[in-house]
Amino acid sequence: DLQGGTHIVLEAQDTPDAPVTDDSVNRAVTIVERRINEMGLTEPIVQK
């Protein structure tokens, strides 16, 4: 709210090998959050 930044909306897609389930989306949220934290950004927000 003070310095601006980037807002991204992602959507899980069904594939033959990996259909979208509630569990897979929750795990995707955890992994995305982990990757962002590794990038060293300031207080990122990742939510389903």
ModelCIF file with pLDDT and N, C-alpha, C, O atoms, coordinates in Angstrom:
data_MODEL
#
_entry.id   MODEL 
#
_entity.id                         1 
_entity.type                       polymer 
_entity.pdbx_number_of_molecules   1 
#
_entity_poly.entity_id                      1 
_entity_poly.type                           'polypeptide(L)' 
_entity_poly.nstd_linkage                   no 
_entity_poly.nstd_monomer                   no 
_entity_poly.pdbx_seq_one_letter_code       DLQGGTHIVLEAQDTPDAPVTDDSVNRAVTIVERRINEMGLTEPIVQK 
_entity_poly.pdbx_seq_one_letter_code_can   DLQGGTHIVLEAQDTPDAPVTDDSVNRAVTIVERRINEMGLTEPIVQK 
_entity_poly.pdbx_strand_id                 A 
#
loop_
_entity_poly_seq.entity_id 
_entity_poly_seq.num 
_entity_poly_seq.mon_id 
_entity_poly_seq.hetero 
1 1  ASP n 
1 2  LEU n 
1 3  GLN n 
1 4  GLY n 
1 5  GLY n 
1 6  THR n 
1 7  HIS n 
1 8  ILE n 
1 9  VAL n 
1 10 LEU n 
1 11 GLU n 
1 12 ALA n 
1 13 GLN n 
1 14 ASP n 
1 15 THR n 
1 16 PRO n 
1 17 ASP n 
1 18 ALA n 
1 19 PRO n 
1 20 VAL n 
1 21 THR n 
1 22 ASP n 
1 23 ASP n 
1 24 SER n 
1 25 VAL n 
1 26 ASN n 
1 27 ARG n 
1 28 ALA n 
1 29 VAL n 
1 30 THR n 
1 31 ILE n 
1 32 VAL n 
1 33 GLU n 
1 34 ARG n 
1 35 ARG n 
1 36 ILE n 
1 37 ASN n 
1 38 GLU n 
1 39 MET n 
1 40 GLY n 
1 41 LEU n 
1 42 THR n 
1 43 GLU n 
1 44 PRO n 
1 45 ILE n 
1 46 VAL n 
1 47 GLN n 
1 48 LYS n 
#
_struct_asym.id          A 
_struct_asym.entity_id   1 
#
loop_
_ma_qa_metric.id 
_ma_qa_metric.mode 
_ma_qa_metric.name 
_ma_qa_metric.software_group_id 
_ma_qa_metric.type 
1 global pLDDT . pLDDT 
2 local  pLDDT . pLDDT 
#
_ma_qa_metric_global.metric_id      1 
_ma_qa_metric_global.metric_value   80.96 
_ma_qa_metric_global.model_id       1 
_ma_qa_metric_global.ordinal_id     1 
#
loop_
_ma_qa_metric_local.label_asym_id 
_ma_qa_metric_local.label_comp_id 
_ma_qa_metric_local.label_seq_id 
_ma_qa_metric_local.metric_id 
_ma_qa_metric_local.metric_value 
_ma_qa_metric_local.model_id 
_ma_qa_metric_local.ordinal_id 
A ASP 1  2 71.00 1 1  
A LEU 2  2 74.00 1 2  
A GLN 3  2 74.00 1 3  
A GLY 4  2 74.00 1 4  
A GLY 5  2 80.00 1 5  
A THR 6  2 83.00 1 6  
A HIS 7  2 84.00 1 7  
A ILE 8  2 88.00 1 8  
A VAL 9  2 90.00 1 9  
A LEU 10 2 90.00 1 10 
A GLU 11 2 90.00 1 11 
A ALA 12 2 88.00 1 12 
A GLN 13 2 86.00 1 13 
A ASP 14 2 84.00 1 14 
A THR 15 2 78.00 1 15 
A PRO 16 2 78.00 1 16 
A ASP 17 2 71.00 1 17 
A ALA 18 2 75.00 1 18 
A PRO 19 2 84.00 1 19 
A VAL 20 2 86.00 1 20 
A THR 21 2 87.00 1 21 
A ASP 22 2 87.00 1 22 
A ASP 23 2 83.00 1 23 
A SER 24 2 83.00 1 24 
A VAL 25 2 87.00 1 25 
A ASN 26 2 86.00 1 26 
A ARG 27 2 81.00 1 27 
A ALA 28 2 84.00 1 28 
A VAL 29 2 86.00 1 29 
A THR 30 2 82.00 1 30 
A ILE 31 2 82.00 1 31 
A VAL 32 2 85.00 1 32 
A GLU 33 2 83.00 1 33 
A ARG 34 2 79.00 1 34 
A ARG 35 2 79.00 1 35 
A ILE 36 2 82.00 1 36 
A ASN 37 2 78.00 1 37 
A GLU 38 2 72.00 1 38 
A MET 39 2 73.00 1 39 
A GLY 40 2 71.00 1 40 
A LEU 41 2 69.00 1 41 
A THR 42 2 62.00 1 42 
A GLU 43 2 70.00 1 43 
A PRO 44 2 81.00 1 44 
A ILE 45 2 82.00 1 45 
A VAL 46 2 87.00 1 46 
A GLN 47 2 88.00 1 47 
A LYS 48 2 89.00 1 48 
#
loop_
_atom_site.group_PDB 
_atom_site.id 
_atom_site.type_symbol 
_atom_site.label_atom_id 
_atom_site.label_alt_id 
_atom_site.label_comp_id 
_atom_site.label_asym_id 
_atom_site.label_entity_id 
_atom_site.label_seq_id 
_atom_site.pdbx_PDB_ins_code 
_atom_site.Cartn_x 
_atom_site.Cartn_y 
_atom_site.Cartn_z 
_atom_site.occupancy 
_atom_site.B_iso_or_equiv 
_atom_site.pdbx_formal_charge 
_atom_site.auth_seq_id 
_atom_site.auth_comp_id 
_atom_site.auth_asym_id 
_atom_site.auth_atom_id 
_atom_site.pdbx_PDB_model_num 
ATOM 1   N N  . ASP A 1 1  ? 0.817  -1.213  0.000   1.00 71.00 ? 1  ASP A N  1 
ATOM 2   C CA . ASP A 1 1  ? 0.000  0.000   0.000   1.00 71.00 ? 1  ASP A CA 1 
ATOM 3   C C  . ASP A 1 1  ? 0.852  1.266   0.000   1.00 71.00 ? 1  ASP A C  1 
ATOM 4   O O  . ASP A 1 1  ? 0.343  2.344   -0.307  1.00 71.00 ? 1  ASP A O  1 
ATOM 5   N N  . LEU A 1 2  ? 2.137  1.160   0.337   1.00 74.00 ? 2  LEU A N  1 
ATOM 6   C CA . LEU A 1 2  ? 2.998  2.339   0.366   1.00 74.00 ? 2  LEU A CA 1 
ATOM 7   C C  . LEU A 1 2  ? 3.931  2.424   -0.839  1.00 74.00 ? 2  LEU A C  1 
ATOM 8   O O  . LEU A 1 2  ? 4.147  3.516   -1.365  1.00 74.00 ? 2  LEU A O  1 
ATOM 9   N N  . GLN A 1 3  ? 4.485  1.307   -1.285  1.00 74.00 ? 3  GLN A N  1 
ATOM 10  C CA . GLN A 1 3  ? 5.491  1.379   -2.343  1.00 74.00 ? 3  GLN A CA 1 
ATOM 11  C C  . GLN A 1 3  ? 5.036  0.777   -3.669  1.00 74.00 ? 3  GLN A C  1 
ATOM 12  O O  . GLN A 1 3  ? 5.786  0.813   -4.644  1.00 74.00 ? 3  GLN A O  1 
ATOM 13  N N  . GLY A 1 4  ? 3.825  0.224   -3.726  1.00 74.00 ? 4  GLY A N  1 
ATOM 14  C CA . GLY A 1 4  ? 3.362  -0.380  -4.962  1.00 74.00 ? 4  GLY A CA 1 
ATOM 15  C C  . GLY A 1 4  ? 3.996  -1.744  -5.172  1.00 74.00 ? 4  GLY A C  1 
ATOM 16  O O  . GLY A 1 4  ? 4.722  -2.241  -4.311  1.00 74.00 ? 4  GLY A O  1 
ATOM 17  N N  . GLY A 1 5  ? 3.718  -2.346  -6.319  1.00 80.00 ? 5  GLY A N  1 
ATOM 18  C CA . GLY A 1 5  ? 4.263  -3.666  -6.598  1.00 80.00 ? 5  GLY A CA 1 
ATOM 19  C C  . GLY A 1 5  ? 3.476  -4.367  -7.684  1.00 80.00 ? 5  GLY A C  1 
ATOM 20  O O  . GLY A 1 5  ? 2.938  -3.725  -8.586  1.00 80.00 ? 5  GLY A O  1 
ATOM 21  N N  . THR A 1 6  ? 3.411  -5.680  -7.597  1.00 83.00 ? 6  THR A N  1 
ATOM 22  C CA . THR A 1 6  ? 2.777  -6.496  -8.635  1.00 83.00 ? 6  THR A CA 1 
ATOM 23  C C  . THR A 1 6  ? 1.663  -7.351  -8.031  1.00 83.00 ? 6  THR A C  1 
ATOM 24  O O  . THR A 1 6  ? 1.820  -7.961  -6.973  1.00 83.00 ? 6  THR A O  1 
ATOM 25  N N  . HIS A 1 7  ? 0.536  -7.375  -8.739  1.00 84.00 ? 7  HIS A N  1 
ATOM 26  C CA . HIS A 1 7  ? -0.624 -8.187  -8.349  1.00 84.00 ? 7  HIS A CA 1 
ATOM 27  C C  . HIS A 1 7  ? -0.846 -9.231  -9.445  1.00 84.00 ? 7  HIS A C  1 
ATOM 28  O O  . HIS A 1 7  ? -1.051 -8.879  -10.607 1.00 84.00 ? 7  HIS A O  1 
ATOM 29  N N  . ILE A 1 8  ? -0.807 -10.506 -9.076  1.00 88.00 ? 8  ILE A N  1 
ATOM 30  C CA . ILE A 1 8  ? -0.916 -11.594 -10.046 1.00 88.00 ? 8  ILE A CA 1 
ATOM 31  C C  . ILE A 1 8  ? -2.054 -12.524 -9.635  1.00 88.00 ? 8  ILE A C  1 
ATOM 32  O O  . ILE A 1 8  ? -2.191 -12.887 -8.466  1.00 88.00 ? 8  ILE A O  1 
ATOM 33  N N  . VAL A 1 9  ? -2.863 -12.898 -10.619 1.00 90.00 ? 9  VAL A N  1 
ATOM 34  C CA . VAL A 1 9  ? -3.932 -13.881 -10.393 1.00 90.00 ? 9  VAL A CA 1 
ATOM 35  C C  . VAL A 1 9  ? -3.590 -15.137 -11.195 1.00 90.00 ? 9  VAL A C  1 
ATOM 36  O O  . VAL A 1 9  ? -3.460 -15.080 -12.418 1.00 90.00 ? 9  VAL A O  1 
ATOM 37  N N  . LEU A 1 10 ? -3.444 -16.270 -10.507 1.00 90.00 ? 10 LEU A N  1 
ATOM 38  C CA . LEU A 1 10 ? -3.139 -17.557 -11.131 1.00 90.00 ? 10 LEU A CA 1 
ATOM 39  C C  . LEU A 1 10 ? -4.347 -18.474 -11.014 1.00 90.00 ? 10 LEU A C  1 
ATOM 40  O O  . LEU A 1 10 ? -5.112 -18.387 -10.053 1.00 90.00 ? 10 LEU A O  1 
ATOM 41  N N  . GLU A 1 11 ? -4.516 -19.358 -12.003 1.00 90.00 ? 11 GLU A N  1 
ATOM 42  C CA . GLU A 1 11 ? -5.609 -20.328 -11.950 1.00 90.00 ? 11 GLU A CA 1 
ATOM 43  C C  . GLU A 1 11 ? -5.075 -21.717 -12.279 1.00 90.00 ? 11 GLU A C  1 
ATOM 44  O O  . GLU A 1 11 ? -4.346 -21.898 -13.254 1.00 90.00 ? 11 GLU A O  1 
ATOM 45  N N  . ALA A 1 12 ? -5.444 -22.692 -11.459 1.00 88.00 ? 12 ALA A N  1 
ATOM 46  C CA . ALA A 1 12 ? -5.016 -24.074 -11.674 1.00 88.00 ? 12 ALA A CA 1 
ATOM 47  C C  . ALA A 1 12 ? -5.767 -24.658 -12.865 1.00 88.00 ? 12 ALA A C  1 
ATOM 48  O O  . ALA A 1 12 ? -6.977 -24.477 -12.999 1.00 88.00 ? 12 ALA A O  1 
ATOM 49  N N  . GLN A 1 13 ? -5.030 -25.367 -13.734 1.00 86.00 ? 13 GLN A N  1 
ATOM 50  C CA . GLN A 1 13 ? -5.593 -25.949 -14.944 1.00 86.00 ? 13 GLN A CA 1 
ATOM 51  C C  . GLN A 1 13 ? -5.535 -27.478 -14.869 1.00 86.00 ? 13 GLN A C  1 
ATOM 52  O O  . GLN A 1 13 ? -4.553 -28.059 -14.408 1.00 86.00 ? 13 GLN A O  1 
ATOM 53  N N  . ASP A 1 14 ? -6.619 -28.111 -15.336 1.00 84.00 ? 14 ASP A N  1 
ATOM 54  C CA . ASP A 1 14 ? -6.629 -29.574 -15.401 1.00 84.00 ? 14 ASP A CA 1 
ATOM 55  C C  . ASP A 1 14 ? -5.724 -30.058 -16.527 1.00 84.00 ? 14 ASP A C  1 
ATOM 56  O O  . ASP A 1 14 ? -5.721 -29.487 -17.617 1.00 84.00 ? 14 ASP A O  1 
ATOM 57  N N  . THR A 1 15 ? -4.965 -31.102 -16.264 1.00 78.00 ? 15 THR A N  1 
ATOM 58  C CA . THR A 1 15 ? -4.167 -31.781 -17.288 1.00 78.00 ? 15 THR A CA 1 
ATOM 59  C C  . THR A 1 15 ? -4.434 -33.285 -17.149 1.00 78.00 ? 15 THR A C  1 
ATOM 60  O O  . THR A 1 15 ? -4.883 -33.734 -16.094 1.00 78.00 ? 15 THR A O  1 
ATOM 61  N N  . PRO A 1 16 ? -4.161 -34.068 -18.203 1.00 78.00 ? 16 PRO A N  1 
ATOM 62  C CA . PRO A 1 16 ? -4.398 -35.514 -18.104 1.00 78.00 ? 16 PRO A CA 1 
ATOM 63  C C  . PRO A 1 16 ? -3.648 -36.161 -16.946 1.00 78.00 ? 16 PRO A C  1 
ATOM 64  O O  . PRO A 1 16 ? -4.141 -37.104 -16.326 1.00 78.00 ? 16 PRO A O  1 
ATOM 65  N N  . ASP A 1 17 ? -2.452 -35.649 -16.659 1.00 71.00 ? 17 ASP A N  1 
ATOM 66  C CA . ASP A 1 17 ? -1.633 -36.255 -15.599 1.00 71.00 ? 17 ASP A CA 1 
ATOM 67  C C  . ASP A 1 17 ? -1.920 -35.675 -14.215 1.00 71.00 ? 17 ASP A C  1 
ATOM 68  O O  . ASP A 1 17 ? -1.645 -36.317 -13.201 1.00 71.00 ? 17 ASP A O  1 
ATOM 69  N N  . ALA A 1 18 ? -2.473 -34.458 -14.175 1.00 75.00 ? 18 ALA A N  1 
ATOM 70  C CA . ALA A 1 18 ? -2.662 -33.801 -12.879 1.00 75.00 ? 18 ALA A CA 1 
ATOM 71  C C  . ALA A 1 18 ? -3.976 -33.026 -12.856 1.00 75.00 ? 18 ALA A C  1 
ATOM 72  O O  . ALA A 1 18 ? -3.990 -31.823 -13.119 1.00 75.00 ? 18 ALA A O  1 
ATOM 73  N N  . PRO A 1 19 ? -5.082 -33.706 -12.545 1.00 84.00 ? 19 PRO A N  1 
ATOM 74  C CA . PRO A 1 19 ? -6.360 -32.998 -12.420 1.00 84.00 ? 19 PRO A CA 1 
ATOM 75  C C  . PRO A 1 19 ? -6.362 -32.105 -11.187 1.00 84.00 ? 19 PRO A C  1 
ATOM 76  O O  . PRO A 1 19 ? -5.680 -32.385 -10.201 1.00 84.00 ? 19 PRO A O  1 
ATOM 77  N N  . VAL A 1 20 ? -7.133 -31.031 -11.256 1.00 86.00 ? 20 VAL A N  1 
ATOM 78  C CA . VAL A 1 20 ? -7.183 -30.070 -10.156 1.00 86.00 ? 20 VAL A CA 1 
ATOM 79  C C  . VAL A 1 20 ? -8.069 -30.611 -9.037  1.00 86.00 ? 20 VAL A C  1 
ATOM 80  O O  . VAL A 1 20 ? -9.225 -30.971 -9.259  1.00 86.00 ? 20 VAL A O  1 
ATOM 81  N N  . THR A 1 21 ? -7.513 -30.661 -7.853  1.00 87.00 ? 21 THR A N  1 
ATOM 82  C CA . THR A 1 21 ? -8.274 -31.017 -6.649  1.00 87.00 ? 21 THR A CA 1 
ATOM 83  C C  . THR A 1 21 ? -8.027 -29.957 -5.587  1.00 87.00 ? 21 THR A C  1 
ATOM 84  O O  . THR A 1 21 ? -7.121 -29.133 -5.714  1.00 87.00 ? 21 THR A O  1 
ATOM 85  N N  . ASP A 1 22 ? -8.834 -29.986 -4.548  1.00 87.00 ? 22 ASP A N  1 
ATOM 86  C CA . ASP A 1 22 ? -8.667 -29.013 -3.471  1.00 87.00 ? 22 ASP A CA 1 
ATOM 87  C C  . ASP A 1 22 ? -7.304 -29.184 -2.807  1.00 87.00 ? 22 ASP A C  1 
ATOM 88  O O  . ASP A 1 22 ? -6.659 -28.200 -2.443  1.00 87.00 ? 22 ASP A O  1 
ATOM 89  N N  . ASP A 1 23 ? -6.867 -30.435 -2.649  1.00 83.00 ? 23 ASP A N  1 
ATOM 90  C CA . ASP A 1 23 ? -5.570 -30.702 -2.029  1.00 83.00 ? 23 ASP A CA 1 
ATOM 91  C C  . ASP A 1 23 ? -4.424 -30.202 -2.905  1.00 83.00 ? 23 ASP A C  1 
ATOM 92  O O  . ASP A 1 23 ? -3.465 -29.617 -2.401  1.00 83.00 ? 23 ASP A O  1 
ATOM 93  N N  . SER A 1 24 ? -4.521 -30.432 -4.220  1.00 83.00 ? 24 SER A N  1 
ATOM 94  C CA . SER A 1 24 ? -3.433 -30.005 -5.112  1.00 83.00 ? 24 SER A CA 1 
ATOM 95  C C  . SER A 1 24 ? -3.316 -28.490 -5.157  1.00 83.00 ? 24 SER A C  1 
ATOM 96  O O  . SER A 1 24 ? -2.207 -27.961 -5.244  1.00 83.00 ? 24 SER A O  1 
ATOM 97  N N  . VAL A 1 25 ? -4.453 -27.774 -5.099  1.00 87.00 ? 25 VAL A N  1 
ATOM 98  C CA . VAL A 1 25 ? -4.403 -26.308 -5.092  1.00 87.00 ? 25 VAL A CA 1 
ATOM 99  C C  . VAL A 1 25 ? -3.785 -25.807 -3.793  1.00 87.00 ? 25 VAL A C  1 
ATOM 100 O O  . VAL A 1 25 ? -2.994 -24.864 -3.805  1.00 87.00 ? 25 VAL A O  1 
ATOM 101 N N  . ASN A 1 26 ? -4.141 -26.432 -2.672  1.00 86.00 ? 26 ASN A N  1 
ATOM 102 C CA . ASN A 1 26 ? -3.559 -26.030 -1.388  1.00 86.00 ? 26 ASN A CA 1 
ATOM 103 C C  . ASN A 1 26 ? -2.046 -26.258 -1.374  1.00 86.00 ? 26 ASN A C  1 
ATOM 104 O O  . ASN A 1 26 ? -1.296 -25.441 -0.840  1.00 86.00 ? 26 ASN A O  1 
ATOM 105 N N  . ARG A 1 27 ? -1.601 -27.380 -1.967  1.00 81.00 ? 27 ARG A N  1 
ATOM 106 C CA . ARG A 1 27 ? -0.161 -27.641 -2.037  1.00 81.00 ? 27 ARG A CA 1 
ATOM 107 C C  . ARG A 1 27 ? 0.520  -26.643 -2.972  1.00 81.00 ? 27 ARG A C  1 
ATOM 108 O O  . ARG A 1 27 ? 1.652  -26.226 -2.729  1.00 81.00 ? 27 ARG A O  1 
ATOM 109 N N  . ALA A 1 28 ? -0.184 -26.264 -4.050  1.00 84.00 ? 28 ALA A N  1 
ATOM 110 C CA . ALA A 1 28 ? 0.376  -25.269 -4.977  1.00 84.00 ? 28 ALA A CA 1 
ATOM 111 C C  . ALA A 1 28 ? 0.554  -23.928 -4.278  1.00 84.00 ? 28 ALA A C  1 
ATOM 112 O O  . ALA A 1 28 ? 1.554  -23.246 -4.502  1.00 84.00 ? 28 ALA A O  1 
ATOM 113 N N  . VAL A 1 29 ? -0.406 -23.538 -3.430  1.00 86.00 ? 29 VAL A N  1 
ATOM 114 C CA . VAL A 1 29 ? -0.302 -22.286 -2.671  1.00 86.00 ? 29 VAL A CA 1 
ATOM 115 C C  . VAL A 1 29 ? 0.940  -22.321 -1.781  1.00 86.00 ? 29 VAL A C  1 
ATOM 116 O O  . VAL A 1 29 ? 1.685  -21.344 -1.706  1.00 86.00 ? 29 VAL A O  1 
ATOM 117 N N  . THR A 1 30 ? 1.157  -23.444 -1.115  1.00 82.00 ? 30 THR A N  1 
ATOM 118 C CA . THR A 1 30 ? 2.318  -23.583 -0.223  1.00 82.00 ? 30 THR A CA 1 
ATOM 119 C C  . THR A 1 30 ? 3.623  -23.464 -1.001  1.00 82.00 ? 30 THR A C  1 
ATOM 120 O O  . THR A 1 30 ? 4.558  -22.803 -0.547  1.00 82.00 ? 30 THR A O  1 
ATOM 121 N N  . ILE A 1 31 ? 3.694  -24.099 -2.171  1.00 82.00 ? 31 ILE A N  1 
ATOM 122 C CA . ILE A 1 31 ? 4.927  -24.084 -2.963  1.00 82.00 ? 31 ILE A CA 1 
ATOM 123 C C  . ILE A 1 31 ? 5.179  -22.701 -3.553  1.00 82.00 ? 31 ILE A C  1 
ATOM 124 O O  . ILE A 1 31 ? 6.316  -22.228 -3.564  1.00 82.00 ? 31 ILE A O  1 
ATOM 125 N N  . VAL A 1 32 ? 4.109  -22.040 -4.049  1.00 85.00 ? 32 VAL A N  1 
ATOM 126 C CA . VAL A 1 32 ? 4.258  -20.675 -4.585  1.00 85.00 ? 32 VAL A CA 1 
ATOM 127 C C  . VAL A 1 32 ? 4.749  -19.734 -3.493  1.00 85.00 ? 32 VAL A C  1 
ATOM 128 O O  . VAL A 1 32 ? 5.627  -18.904 -3.726  1.00 85.00 ? 32 VAL A O  1 
ATOM 129 N N  . GLU A 1 33 ? 4.178  -19.870 -2.302  1.00 83.00 ? 33 GLU A N  1 
ATOM 130 C CA . GLU A 1 33 ? 4.598  -19.019 -1.176  1.00 83.00 ? 33 GLU A CA 1 
ATOM 131 C C  . GLU A 1 33 ? 6.064  -19.277 -0.824  1.00 83.00 ? 33 GLU A C  1 
ATOM 132 O O  . GLU A 1 33 ? 6.806  -18.344 -0.517  1.00 83.00 ? 33 GLU A O  1 
ATOM 133 N N  . ARG A 1 34 ? 6.479  -20.547 -0.868  1.00 79.00 ? 34 ARG A N  1 
ATOM 134 C CA . ARG A 1 34 ? 7.868  -20.885 -0.571  1.00 79.00 ? 34 ARG A CA 1 
ATOM 135 C C  . ARG A 1 34 ? 8.810  -20.284 -1.602  1.00 79.00 ? 34 ARG A C  1 
ATOM 136 O O  . ARG A 1 34 ? 9.876  -19.776 -1.252  1.00 79.00 ? 34 ARG A O  1 
ATOM 137 N N  . ARG A 1 35 ? 8.422  -20.338 -2.873  1.00 79.00 ? 35 ARG A N  1 
ATOM 138 C CA . ARG A 1 35 ? 9.267  -19.788 -3.931  1.00 79.00 ? 35 ARG A CA 1 
ATOM 139 C C  . ARG A 1 35 ? 9.393  -18.271 -3.790  1.00 79.00 ? 35 ARG A C  1 
ATOM 140 O O  . ARG A 1 35 ? 10.475 -17.716 -3.983  1.00 79.00 ? 35 ARG A O  1 
ATOM 141 N N  . ILE A 1 36 ? 8.302  -17.609 -3.457  1.00 82.00 ? 36 ILE A N  1 
ATOM 142 C CA . ILE A 1 36 ? 8.332  -16.154 -3.313  1.00 82.00 ? 36 ILE A CA 1 
ATOM 143 C C  . ILE A 1 36 ? 9.198  -15.761 -2.121  1.00 82.00 ? 36 ILE A C  1 
ATOM 144 O O  . ILE A 1 36 ? 9.973  -14.808 -2.199  1.00 82.00 ? 36 ILE A O  1 
ATOM 145 N N  . ASN A 1 37 ? 9.066  -16.490 -1.025  1.00 78.00 ? 37 ASN A N  1 
ATOM 146 C CA . ASN A 1 37 ? 9.895  -16.200 0.151   1.00 78.00 ? 37 ASN A CA 1 
ATOM 147 C C  . ASN A 1 37 ? 11.376 -16.366 -0.169  1.00 78.00 ? 37 ASN A C  1 
ATOM 148 O O  . ASN A 1 37 ? 12.212 -15.619 0.338   1.00 78.00 ? 37 ASN A O  1 
ATOM 149 N N  . GLU A 1 38 ? 11.699 -17.348 -1.012  1.00 72.00 ? 38 GLU A N  1 
ATOM 150 C CA . GLU A 1 38 ? 13.090 -17.554 -1.420  1.00 72.00 ? 38 GLU A CA 1 
ATOM 151 C C  . GLU A 1 38 ? 13.604 -16.380 -2.247  1.00 72.00 ? 38 GLU A C  1 
ATOM 152 O O  . GLU A 1 38 ? 14.807 -16.122 -2.279  1.00 72.00 ? 38 GLU A O  1 
ATOM 153 N N  . MET A 1 39 ? 12.680 -15.655 -2.930  1.00 73.00 ? 39 MET A N  1 
ATOM 154 C CA . MET A 1 39 ? 13.079 -14.513 -3.750  1.00 73.00 ? 39 MET A CA 1 
ATOM 155 C C  . MET A 1 39 ? 13.456 -13.315 -2.902  1.00 73.00 ? 39 MET A C  1 
ATOM 156 O O  . MET A 1 39 ? 14.043 -12.361 -3.415  1.00 73.00 ? 39 MET A O  1 
ATOM 157 N N  . GLY A 1 40 ? 13.129 -13.341 -1.597  1.00 71.00 ? 40 GLY A N  1 
ATOM 158 C CA . GLY A 1 40 ? 13.529 -12.266 -0.690  1.00 71.00 ? 40 GLY A CA 1 
ATOM 159 C C  . GLY A 1 40 ? 12.681 -11.016 -0.806  1.00 71.00 ? 40 GLY A C  1 
ATOM 160 O O  . GLY A 1 40 ? 13.154 -9.927  -0.482  1.00 71.00 ? 40 GLY A O  1 
ATOM 161 N N  . LEU A 1 41 ? 11.430 -11.139 -1.262  1.00 69.00 ? 41 LEU A N  1 
ATOM 162 C CA . LEU A 1 41 ? 10.570 -9.964  -1.397  1.00 69.00 ? 41 LEU A CA 1 
ATOM 163 C C  . LEU A 1 41 ? 9.980  -9.579  -0.049  1.00 69.00 ? 41 LEU A C  1 
ATOM 164 O O  . LEU A 1 41 ? 9.965  -10.380 0.886   1.00 69.00 ? 41 LEU A O  1 
ATOM 165 N N  . THR A 1 42 ? 9.494  -8.345  0.042   1.00 62.00 ? 42 THR A N  1 
ATOM 166 C CA . THR A 1 42 ? 8.997  -7.791  1.289   1.00 62.00 ? 42 THR A CA 1 
ATOM 167 C C  . THR A 1 42 ? 7.546  -8.171  1.535   1.00 62.00 ? 42 THR A C  1 
ATOM 168 O O  . THR A 1 42 ? 6.660  -7.763  0.783   1.00 62.00 ? 42 THR A O  1 
ATOM 169 N N  . GLU A 1 43 ? 7.298  -8.950  2.583   1.00 70.00 ? 43 GLU A N  1 
ATOM 170 C CA . GLU A 1 43 ? 5.959  -9.307  3.039   1.00 70.00 ? 43 GLU A CA 1 
ATOM 171 C C  . GLU A 1 43 ? 5.002  -9.602  1.885   1.00 70.00 ? 43 GLU A C  1 
ATOM 172 O O  . GLU A 1 43 ? 3.997  -8.907  1.733   1.00 70.00 ? 43 GLU A O  1 
ATOM 173 N N  . PRO A 1 44 ? 5.292  -10.616 1.069   1.00 81.00 ? 44 PRO A N  1 
ATOM 174 C CA . PRO A 1 44 ? 4.370  -10.972 -0.008  1.00 81.00 ? 44 PRO A CA 1 
ATOM 175 C C  . PRO A 1 44 ? 3.091  -11.584 0.547   1.00 81.00 ? 44 PRO A C  1 
ATOM 176 O O  . PRO A 1 44 ? 3.069  -12.096 1.666   1.00 81.00 ? 44 PRO A O  1 
ATOM 177 N N  . ILE A 1 45 ? 2.025  -11.526 -0.248  1.00 82.00 ? 45 ILE A N  1 
ATOM 178 C CA . ILE A 1 45 ? 0.751  -12.116 0.137   1.00 82.00 ? 45 ILE A CA 1 
ATOM 179 C C  . ILE A 1 45 ? 0.390  -13.177 -0.896  1.00 82.00 ? 45 ILE A C  1 
ATOM 180 O O  . ILE A 1 45 ? 0.307  -12.886 -2.089  1.00 82.00 ? 45 ILE A O  1 
ATOM 181 N N  . VAL A 1 46 ? 0.178  -14.396 -0.438  1.00 87.00 ? 46 VAL A N  1 
ATOM 182 C CA . VAL A 1 46 ? -0.260 -15.494 -1.299  1.00 87.00 ? 46 VAL A CA 1 
ATOM 183 C C  . VAL A 1 46 ? -1.479 -16.121 -0.652  1.00 87.00 ? 46 VAL A C  1 
ATOM 184 O O  . VAL A 1 46 ? -1.404 -16.630 0.466   1.00 87.00 ? 46 VAL A O  1 
ATOM 185 N N  . GLN A 1 47 ? -2.601 -16.084 -1.354  1.00 88.00 ? 47 GLN A N  1 
ATOM 186 C CA . GLN A 1 47 ? -3.813 -16.638 -0.766  1.00 88.00 ? 47 GLN A CA 1 
ATOM 187 C C  . GLN A 1 47 ? -4.691 -17.291 -1.829  1.00 88.00 ? 47 GLN A C  1 
ATOM 188 O O  . GLN A 1 47 ? -4.688 -16.901 -2.997  1.00 88.00 ? 47 GLN A O  1 
ATOM 189 N N  . LYS A 1 48 ? -5.432 -18.284 -1.391  1.00 89.00 ? 48 LYS A N  1 
ATOM 190 C CA . LYS A 1 48 ? -6.325 -19.016 -2.286  1.00 89.00 ? 48 LYS A CA 1 
ATOM 191 C C  . LYS A 1 48 ? -7.639 -18.251 -2.419  1.00 89.00 ? 48 LYS A C  1 
ATOM 192 O O  . LYS A 1 48 ? -8.541 -18.693 -3.131  1.00 89.00 ? 48 LYS A O  1 
#
